[in-house]
Amino acid sequence: MKNHTFWITAMLFCMAFISPDQKKKITVWLAGDSTMAVKETKAYPETGWGMPFAYFFDSSVTVKNIAKNGRSTRTFISEKLWESISTNIQEGDYVFIQFGHNDESKEKTDRYTSPEDYKANLIKFISETRAKKGNPVLLTPVSRRKFKDTTQIPTHELYSALVRDVAKEQNVPLIDLDAKSMELYQKFGAETSKLLFLQLKPGEHPNYPDGKEDNTHFNELGARLIAQVVLQSIRDIKLELADRIVVPKPKK
């Protein structure tokens, strides 16, 4: 019995020190909207949180960010962006799914998605990911910055609730990014939280000569902090992916 215990302990010890090169290579797919997407140079300093997120993993992980500005679950499907993910998922891959900003915009009929269709689309993403033996992860839509006096208030109540319902019904890991981002903004406060967003004075940046007051899209700091919220949530809900998170080394 002692020898048996010794070998189990030895195996577990060795497993803890498996190098990234020895781990199964996987891809983390990001499906979402502008708050997650990679930005063009002309949009700088606007930054999607998926951009810094990609740098926090060891060499066994490739992050493929398919998120795109203005997309809802409906247009992500109709424009075959989802197909570019579903046809390429490999066993063990992760698919992080974060929509809601555009789905809930009734005034934008080109992208609006009814609550019923929104749920159906999320379930489609989940079932097609699982069919390829991938790992779907649902995220509630990241909150917009909106304060009433000194209190950050909800901006996605209906569609975030739908994500939580689907996650529970389908037994899918959930990152409640809406709630967690609200907590982040509240810590910064009504005025200081502007430092996380695309907020520029006229003449402050050549890409926005007239200035910008945007409470939806992040600057570099905001994107990085939201990415860190997601990374901590990966650890909190104990995804296997957590073992592949690393702290990026500063460039020399």
Protein backbone atom coordinates (compact mmCIF):
# COMPACT_ATOMS: atom_id res chain seq x y z
CA MET A 1 0.00 0.00 0.00
CA LYS A 2 2.86 2.38 0.82
CA ASN A 3 4.46 1.76 -2.60
CA HIS A 4 1.11 2.34 -4.31
CA THR A 5 0.67 5.66 -2.51
CA PHE A 6 4.23 6.66 -3.38
CA TRP A 7 3.71 6.13 -7.12
CA ILE A 8 0.41 8.03 -7.15
CA THR A 9 2.07 10.94 -5.37
CA ALA A 10 5.01 10.83 -7.77
CA MET A 11 2.72 10.85 -10.82
CA LEU A 12 0.72 13.81 -9.52
CA PHE A 13 3.95 15.69 -8.79
CA CYS A 14 5.21 15.13 -12.32
CA MET A 15 1.89 16.13 -13.86
CA ALA A 16 2.09 19.48 -12.07
CA PHE A 17 5.26 20.25 -13.99
CA ILE A 18 4.19 19.27 -17.51
CA SER A 19 5.60 21.84 -19.91
CA PRO A 20 3.32 23.65 -22.38
CA ASP A 21 4.96 21.71 -25.22
CA GLN A 22 3.77 18.45 -23.68
CA LYS A 23 0.14 19.57 -23.30
CA LYS A 24 -2.47 18.89 -25.97
CA LYS A 25 -2.65 21.91 -28.27
CA ILE A 26 -6.04 23.60 -28.16
CA THR A 27 -7.74 26.66 -29.58
CA VAL A 28 -9.87 29.14 -27.64
CA TRP A 29 -12.42 30.62 -30.04
CA LEU A 30 -13.98 33.98 -29.22
CA ALA A 31 -17.48 34.59 -30.61
CA GLY A 32 -18.96 37.97 -29.89
CA ASP A 33 -19.38 41.64 -30.72
CA SER A 34 -17.33 44.85 -30.71
CA THR A 35 -16.61 44.76 -26.98
CA MET A 36 -14.55 41.60 -27.59
CA ALA A 37 -13.30 42.14 -31.15
CA VAL A 38 -9.87 42.93 -32.58
CA LYS A 39 -9.80 46.59 -33.66
CA GLU A 40 -8.35 48.23 -36.74
CA THR A 41 -5.56 50.79 -36.27
CA LYS A 42 -7.92 53.59 -37.29
CA ALA A 43 -10.08 52.84 -34.24
CA TYR A 44 -7.23 53.08 -31.70
CA PRO A 45 -7.29 53.53 -28.71
CA GLU A 46 -10.55 51.52 -28.86
CA THR A 47 -9.65 47.99 -27.74
CA GLY A 48 -11.73 44.81 -27.50
CA TRP A 49 -11.08 42.77 -24.36
CA GLY A 50 -10.30 39.74 -26.53
CA MET A 51 -7.10 41.46 -27.69
CA PRO A 52 -5.16 41.45 -24.37
CA PHE A 53 -6.90 38.19 -23.38
CA ALA A 54 -4.93 36.34 -26.06
CA TYR A 55 -1.59 37.07 -24.36
CA PHE A 56 -2.36 35.38 -21.04
CA PHE A 57 -1.92 31.73 -22.10
CA ASP A 58 1.02 29.38 -22.48
CA SER A 59 2.17 28.07 -25.85
CA SER A 60 -0.32 25.17 -25.80
CA VAL A 61 -3.17 27.63 -26.45
CA THR A 62 -4.03 29.53 -29.61
CA VAL A 63 -6.70 32.24 -29.30
CA LYS A 64 -8.74 32.90 -32.43
CA ASN A 65 -10.87 36.01 -32.07
CA ILE A 66 -13.78 35.86 -34.54
CA ALA A 67 -15.80 38.56 -32.73
CA LYS A 68 -16.86 41.45 -34.96
CA ASN A 69 -18.27 44.93 -34.48
CA GLY A 70 -22.04 45.24 -34.57
CA ARG A 71 -22.83 41.55 -34.61
CA SER A 72 -25.69 39.87 -32.83
CA THR A 73 -26.23 36.12 -32.55
CA ARG A 74 -28.47 36.39 -35.62
CA THR A 75 -25.99 38.20 -37.87
CA PHE A 76 -23.07 36.15 -36.55
CA ILE A 77 -24.90 33.14 -38.00
CA SER A 78 -26.24 34.75 -41.19
CA GLU A 79 -22.80 36.13 -42.12
CA LYS A 80 -21.27 32.66 -41.58
CA LEU A 81 -18.96 33.88 -38.84
CA TRP A 82 -20.28 31.10 -36.64
CA GLU A 83 -19.71 28.60 -39.44
CA SER A 84 -16.03 29.59 -39.53
CA ILE A 85 -15.86 28.43 -35.90
CA SER A 86 -18.17 25.41 -35.94
CA THR A 87 -16.48 23.77 -38.93
CA ASN A 88 -13.02 24.13 -37.40
CA ILE A 89 -13.56 23.18 -33.76
CA GLN A 90 -11.33 20.34 -32.61
CA GLU A 91 -11.82 18.08 -29.62
CA GLY A 92 -10.82 19.92 -26.44
CA ASP A 93 -11.18 23.41 -27.90
CA TYR A 94 -13.07 26.13 -26.00
CA VAL A 95 -15.66 28.50 -27.46
CA PHE A 96 -16.34 31.66 -25.44
CA ILE A 97 -19.71 33.11 -26.44
CA GLN A 98 -20.61 36.71 -25.52
CA PHE A 99 -23.49 38.48 -27.26
CA GLY A 100 -26.33 40.77 -26.23
CA HIS A 101 -25.37 44.37 -26.99
CA ASN A 102 -26.70 44.20 -30.55
CA ASP A 103 -29.31 41.49 -30.05
CA GLU A 104 -31.22 43.74 -27.66
CA SER A 105 -31.15 46.86 -29.90
CA LYS A 106 -34.75 47.00 -31.16
CA GLU A 107 -34.10 50.23 -33.05
CA LYS A 108 -31.44 48.49 -35.17
CA THR A 109 -33.58 46.10 -37.15
CA ASP A 110 -30.63 44.77 -39.14
CA ARG A 111 -29.26 43.06 -36.01
CA TYR A 112 -32.07 42.89 -33.43
CA THR A 113 -32.79 39.37 -32.16
CA SER A 114 -35.92 38.53 -30.18
CA PRO A 115 -35.44 36.95 -26.75
CA GLU A 116 -36.76 33.63 -28.08
CA ASP A 117 -34.40 33.61 -31.06
CA TYR A 118 -31.51 34.77 -28.89
CA LYS A 119 -31.91 31.74 -26.62
CA ALA A 120 -32.28 29.44 -29.62
CA ASN A 121 -29.10 30.82 -31.17
CA LEU A 122 -27.13 30.36 -27.95
CA ILE A 123 -28.35 26.76 -27.75
CA LYS A 124 -27.28 26.25 -31.37
CA PHE A 125 -23.76 27.47 -30.52
CA ILE A 126 -23.64 25.15 -27.52
CA SER A 127 -24.94 22.03 -29.28
CA GLU A 128 -22.69 22.45 -32.32
CA THR A 129 -19.64 23.01 -30.09
CA ARG A 130 -20.43 19.90 -28.08
CA ALA A 131 -21.02 17.90 -31.26
CA LYS A 132 -17.33 18.49 -32.06
CA LYS A 133 -16.35 17.58 -28.46
CA GLY A 134 -15.53 21.20 -27.74
CA ASN A 135 -16.22 23.14 -24.56
CA PRO A 136 -18.76 25.98 -24.77
CA VAL A 137 -18.58 28.78 -22.20
CA LEU A 138 -21.34 31.40 -21.98
CA LEU A 139 -20.70 34.99 -20.93
CA THR A 140 -23.33 37.56 -20.12
CA PRO A 141 -22.80 40.76 -22.16
CA VAL A 142 -20.23 43.04 -20.56
CA SER A 143 -21.97 46.00 -18.95
CA ARG A 144 -22.04 49.48 -20.36
CA ARG A 145 -20.89 52.25 -18.04
CA LYS A 146 -24.05 53.84 -16.64
CA PHE A 147 -24.21 55.55 -13.28
CA LYS A 148 -27.19 56.93 -11.40
CA ASP A 149 -25.59 59.39 -9.02
CA THR A 150 -22.78 57.27 -7.55
CA THR A 151 -24.18 53.83 -8.37
CA GLN A 152 -23.53 51.76 -11.49
CA ILE A 153 -26.87 50.46 -12.73
CA PRO A 154 -27.74 47.45 -14.95
CA THR A 155 -27.75 47.90 -18.72
CA HIS A 156 -28.53 44.36 -19.94
CA GLU A 157 -31.09 43.01 -17.48
CA LEU A 158 -33.22 40.99 -19.92
CA TYR A 159 -30.54 39.51 -22.15
CA SER A 160 -28.14 38.74 -19.31
CA ALA A 161 -30.95 36.87 -17.57
CA LEU A 162 -31.51 34.86 -20.76
CA VAL A 163 -27.83 33.85 -20.84
CA ARG A 164 -28.01 32.73 -17.22
CA ASP A 165 -31.15 30.71 -17.98
CA VAL A 166 -29.56 28.96 -20.97
CA ALA A 167 -26.38 28.22 -19.00
CA LYS A 168 -28.44 26.57 -16.28
CA GLU A 169 -30.74 24.68 -18.66
CA GLN A 170 -27.86 23.42 -20.81
CA ASN A 171 -25.43 22.85 -17.93
CA VAL A 172 -22.83 25.14 -19.49
CA PRO A 173 -20.08 27.01 -17.59
CA LEU A 174 -21.10 30.64 -17.09
CA ILE A 175 -19.02 33.78 -16.64
CA ASP A 176 -21.35 36.53 -15.46
CA LEU A 177 -19.38 39.32 -17.10
CA ASP A 178 -22.29 41.74 -16.82
CA ALA A 179 -22.31 41.52 -13.02
CA LYS A 180 -18.53 41.39 -12.68
CA SER A 181 -17.92 44.38 -14.95
CA MET A 182 -20.51 46.38 -13.01
CA GLU A 183 -18.56 45.59 -9.84
CA LEU A 184 -15.38 46.80 -11.52
CA TYR A 185 -16.91 50.12 -12.60
CA GLN A 186 -18.38 50.62 -9.14
CA LYS A 187 -14.93 50.21 -7.57
CA PHE A 188 -13.58 52.93 -9.84
CA GLY A 189 -16.56 55.20 -9.25
CA ALA A 190 -18.74 57.35 -11.49
CA GLU A 191 -16.00 59.71 -12.66
CA THR A 192 -12.83 57.59 -12.54
CA SER A 193 -14.47 54.70 -14.42
CA LYS A 194 -14.37 56.91 -17.53
CA LEU A 195 -10.66 56.04 -17.64
CA LEU A 196 -11.62 52.51 -18.79
CA PHE A 197 -13.59 53.65 -21.82
CA LEU A 198 -13.11 55.38 -25.16
CA GLN A 199 -13.44 58.85 -23.68
CA LEU A 200 -11.41 61.52 -25.45
CA LYS A 201 -11.45 65.30 -25.52
CA PRO A 202 -11.44 67.16 -28.87
CA GLY A 203 -7.92 67.17 -30.28
CA GLU A 204 -6.67 64.57 -27.83
CA HIS A 205 -6.18 61.85 -30.46
CA PRO A 206 -5.85 62.10 -34.26
CA ASN A 207 -8.30 59.22 -34.80
CA TYR A 208 -10.98 61.24 -33.00
CA PRO A 209 -10.33 64.93 -33.73
CA ASP A 210 -13.77 65.90 -32.42
CA GLY A 211 -13.37 63.83 -29.27
CA LYS A 212 -15.40 60.83 -28.15
CA GLU A 213 -17.71 59.98 -25.26
CA ASP A 214 -18.27 56.25 -25.42
CA ASN A 215 -19.55 54.25 -22.45
CA THR A 216 -19.65 50.92 -24.28
CA HIS A 217 -16.22 50.42 -25.86
CA PHE A 218 -12.98 50.13 -23.92
CA ASN A 219 -9.59 51.72 -24.23
CA GLU A 220 -6.45 49.65 -23.61
CA LEU A 221 -6.71 49.86 -19.82
CA GLY A 222 -10.38 48.92 -19.73
CA ALA A 223 -9.90 46.02 -22.15
CA ARG A 224 -7.04 44.62 -20.10
CA LEU A 225 -8.96 44.84 -16.84
CA ILE A 226 -12.01 43.14 -18.37
CA ALA A 227 -9.73 40.43 -19.79
CA GLN A 228 -8.34 39.92 -16.30
CA VAL A 229 -11.88 39.61 -14.93
CA VAL A 230 -12.55 36.84 -17.48
CA LEU A 231 -9.25 35.10 -16.66
CA GLN A 232 -10.00 35.16 -12.94
CA SER A 233 -13.47 33.78 -13.66
CA ILE A 234 -11.89 30.90 -15.60
CA ARG A 235 -9.98 30.08 -12.43
CA ASP A 236 -13.01 30.56 -10.20
CA ILE A 237 -15.22 28.15 -12.16
CA LYS A 238 -12.29 25.72 -12.40
CA LEU A 239 -12.10 25.21 -16.14
CA GLU A 240 -9.19 22.98 -17.24
CA LEU A 241 -8.10 26.02 -19.25
CA ALA A 242 -7.06 27.70 -15.99
CA ASP A 243 -3.94 25.51 -15.88
CA ARG A 244 -2.77 27.14 -19.12
CA ILE A 245 -2.99 30.76 -17.93
CA VAL A 246 0.33 32.54 -17.52
CA VAL A 247 1.46 36.04 -16.67
CA PRO A 248 2.87 37.64 -19.84
CA LYS A 249 6.56 38.51 -19.70
CA PRO A 250 7.34 42.20 -20.35
CA LYS A 251 8.98 42.94 -23.68
CA LYS A 252 12.69 43.82 -23.48
